[in-house]
Amino acid sequence: MHRPTTFLNALRPYMPLVVRLALGFLLIVHGLDKFDTGLGNVGDAFDGWGVPFPEISATFVAVFEVVGGIALLLGIGTRYVALAMIGVLVGAMIFVKFEIGVLGGYETDLAYIAGLASLVATGPGLLSADSALGIDRELAVGAPADRQRVDA
């Protein structure tokens, strides 16, 4: 009866990696799409939605999605990148998505926020640059300090 639980618990240290890879990849794709569309066109869309400083905001979001996505893939500054991206997504929900509603509106943003919030809470995991550099090792899911705290 304990075998499935033991197996699943053994996977725990790798889950932040799975979340980071999925979200990092998706953010990069969204950022590159903004560059393909043209930052001027994205800025015009932002202007139409009432986003403050639309040209600057479009450039910031596109660059941050690509750079932040790469940072998540590598596990660099994971908690900070995830927290900042939650802010960007909340802005998108406020300025664009709420008036559309859940379906076809902000449903995807909520899913992104849930995944990003899990990274803020759990950290980058053991398989990350943050952990390898000792930046976020103590709070990484599955780290010895975490296991001692839970087992105590």
Protein backbone atom coordinates (compact mmCIF):
# COMPACT_ATOMS: atom_id res chain seq x y z
CA MET A 1 0.00 0.00 0.00
CA HIS A 2 2.93 2.31 0.64
CA ARG A 3 4.70 1.60 -2.65
CA PRO A 4 2.74 4.06 -4.84
CA THR A 5 3.21 6.78 -2.23
CA THR A 6 6.91 6.00 -1.92
CA PHE A 7 7.33 6.11 -5.70
CA LEU A 8 5.41 9.38 -5.99
CA ASN A 9 7.38 10.93 -3.12
CA ALA A 10 10.58 9.97 -4.94
CA LEU A 11 9.41 12.13 -7.87
CA ARG A 12 8.86 15.20 -5.69
CA PRO A 13 12.32 16.77 -6.21
CA TYR A 14 11.75 16.75 -9.99
CA MET A 15 8.35 18.44 -10.07
CA PRO A 16 9.64 22.02 -9.94
CA LEU A 17 11.80 21.12 -12.96
CA VAL A 18 8.73 19.92 -14.86
CA VAL A 19 6.82 23.10 -14.02
CA ARG A 20 9.82 25.31 -14.87
CA LEU A 21 10.39 23.61 -18.24
CA ALA A 22 6.73 23.82 -19.27
CA LEU A 23 6.19 27.41 -18.19
CA GLY A 24 9.60 28.58 -19.38
CA PHE A 25 9.00 27.11 -22.83
CA LEU A 26 5.52 28.65 -23.08
CA LEU A 27 6.74 32.07 -21.98
CA ILE A 28 9.53 32.02 -24.56
CA VAL A 29 7.04 31.11 -27.29
CA HIS A 30 4.72 33.97 -26.26
CA GLY A 31 7.59 36.46 -26.16
CA LEU A 32 8.96 35.40 -29.54
CA ASP A 33 5.46 35.66 -30.99
CA LYS A 34 5.32 39.29 -29.88
CA PHE A 35 8.60 39.95 -31.71
CA ASP A 36 7.26 38.14 -34.82
CA THR A 37 4.05 40.17 -34.70
CA GLY A 38 6.09 43.34 -34.34
CA LEU A 39 6.45 45.30 -31.14
CA GLY A 40 4.74 48.29 -32.77
CA ASN A 41 1.69 46.15 -33.54
CA VAL A 42 1.70 44.71 -30.03
CA GLY A 43 2.01 48.25 -28.66
CA ASP A 44 -0.98 49.31 -30.75
CA ALA A 45 -2.99 46.42 -29.33
CA PHE A 46 -1.88 47.32 -25.80
CA ASP A 47 -2.95 50.92 -26.48
CA GLY A 48 -6.38 49.75 -27.60
CA TRP A 49 -6.77 47.75 -24.41
CA GLY A 50 -5.80 50.73 -22.26
CA VAL A 51 -2.46 49.37 -21.08
CA PRO A 52 -0.36 52.23 -19.68
CA PHE A 53 2.68 53.23 -21.75
CA PRO A 54 1.75 50.70 -24.47
CA GLU A 55 4.97 50.81 -26.51
CA ILE A 56 7.19 50.48 -23.45
CA SER A 57 4.89 47.85 -21.94
CA ALA A 58 4.88 45.79 -25.15
CA THR A 59 8.67 45.81 -25.33
CA PHE A 60 9.03 45.03 -21.62
CA VAL A 61 6.57 42.13 -21.74
CA ALA A 62 8.11 40.60 -24.88
CA VAL A 63 11.66 40.83 -23.54
CA PHE A 64 10.64 39.65 -20.07
CA GLU A 65 8.77 36.65 -21.47
CA VAL A 66 11.83 35.53 -23.44
CA VAL A 67 14.46 36.32 -20.80
CA GLY A 68 12.25 35.18 -17.93
CA GLY A 69 11.35 32.01 -19.80
CA ILE A 70 15.03 31.20 -20.30
CA ALA A 71 15.67 31.94 -16.61
CA LEU A 72 12.91 29.50 -15.63
CA LEU A 73 14.29 26.83 -17.96
CA LEU A 74 17.67 27.13 -16.28
CA GLY A 75 16.35 27.73 -12.79
CA ILE A 76 17.99 31.13 -12.37
CA GLY A 77 16.22 33.57 -10.02
CA THR A 78 13.22 31.27 -10.19
CA ARG A 79 11.19 32.70 -7.34
CA TYR A 80 11.74 36.30 -8.46
CA VAL A 81 11.00 35.62 -12.12
CA ALA A 82 7.86 33.67 -11.20
CA LEU A 83 6.64 36.42 -8.87
CA ALA A 84 7.27 39.14 -11.46
CA MET A 85 5.51 37.12 -14.17
CA ILE A 86 2.50 36.73 -11.88
CA GLY A 87 2.39 40.54 -11.80
CA VAL A 88 2.48 40.73 -15.60
CA LEU A 89 -0.32 38.17 -15.86
CA VAL A 90 -2.47 39.99 -13.31
CA GLY A 91 -2.01 43.13 -15.42
CA ALA A 92 -3.09 41.24 -18.54
CA MET A 93 -6.14 39.97 -16.71
CA ILE A 94 -7.09 43.44 -15.47
CA PHE A 95 -6.56 45.28 -18.76
CA VAL A 96 -7.70 42.65 -21.25
CA LYS A 97 -9.04 39.36 -20.00
CA PHE A 98 -11.63 40.12 -17.29
CA GLU A 99 -14.07 41.70 -19.72
CA ILE A 100 -13.85 38.59 -21.93
CA GLY A 101 -14.61 36.27 -19.01
CA VAL A 102 -13.14 32.96 -17.92
CA LEU A 103 -13.49 30.83 -21.06
CA GLY A 104 -11.37 32.27 -23.84
CA GLY A 105 -10.34 35.04 -21.47
CA TYR A 106 -8.35 34.58 -18.33
CA GLU A 107 -8.50 30.80 -17.88
CA THR A 108 -4.98 30.29 -19.22
CA ASP A 109 -3.66 33.16 -17.13
CA LEU A 110 -5.04 31.50 -14.00
CA ALA A 111 -3.30 28.23 -14.93
CA TYR A 112 -0.02 30.08 -15.49
CA ILE A 113 -0.43 31.89 -12.17
CA ALA A 114 -1.04 28.59 -10.35
CA GLY A 115 2.14 27.08 -11.80
CA LEU A 116 4.16 30.20 -11.13
CA ALA A 117 2.82 30.43 -7.58
CA SER A 118 3.95 26.85 -6.99
CA LEU A 119 7.47 27.89 -8.02
CA VAL A 120 7.36 30.90 -5.71
CA ALA A 121 6.31 28.62 -2.84
CA THR A 122 8.50 25.58 -3.52
CA GLY A 123 11.50 27.13 -5.20
CA PRO A 124 13.34 25.93 -8.28
CA GLY A 125 14.00 22.37 -7.14
CA LEU A 126 17.31 20.56 -6.89
CA LEU A 127 17.90 20.46 -10.65
CA SER A 128 18.40 24.18 -11.12
CA ALA A 129 21.15 26.75 -11.39
CA ASP A 130 19.81 28.36 -8.19
CA SER A 131 20.32 25.10 -6.30
CA ALA A 132 23.69 24.31 -7.92
CA LEU A 133 24.97 27.77 -6.96
CA GLY A 134 23.61 27.43 -3.42
CA ILE A 135 21.25 30.36 -3.93
CA ASP A 136 18.01 28.54 -3.16
CA ARG A 137 19.18 25.10 -2.07
CA GLU A 138 17.85 25.14 1.49
CA LEU A 139 14.25 25.68 0.38
CA ALA A 140 14.39 23.51 -2.74
CA VAL A 141 11.73 20.81 -2.70
CA GLY A 142 13.38 17.54 -1.74
CA ALA A 143 16.50 19.18 -0.31
CA PRO A 144 17.88 17.59 2.85
CA ALA A 145 16.84 20.60 4.98
CA ASP A 146 13.28 20.22 3.67
CA ARG A 147 13.17 16.51 4.48
CA GLN A 148 14.53 17.06 8.00
CA ARG A 149 11.97 19.76 8.68
CA VAL A 150 9.09 17.55 7.44
CA ASP A 151 10.31 14.41 9.20
CA ALA A 152 10.94 16.15 12.54
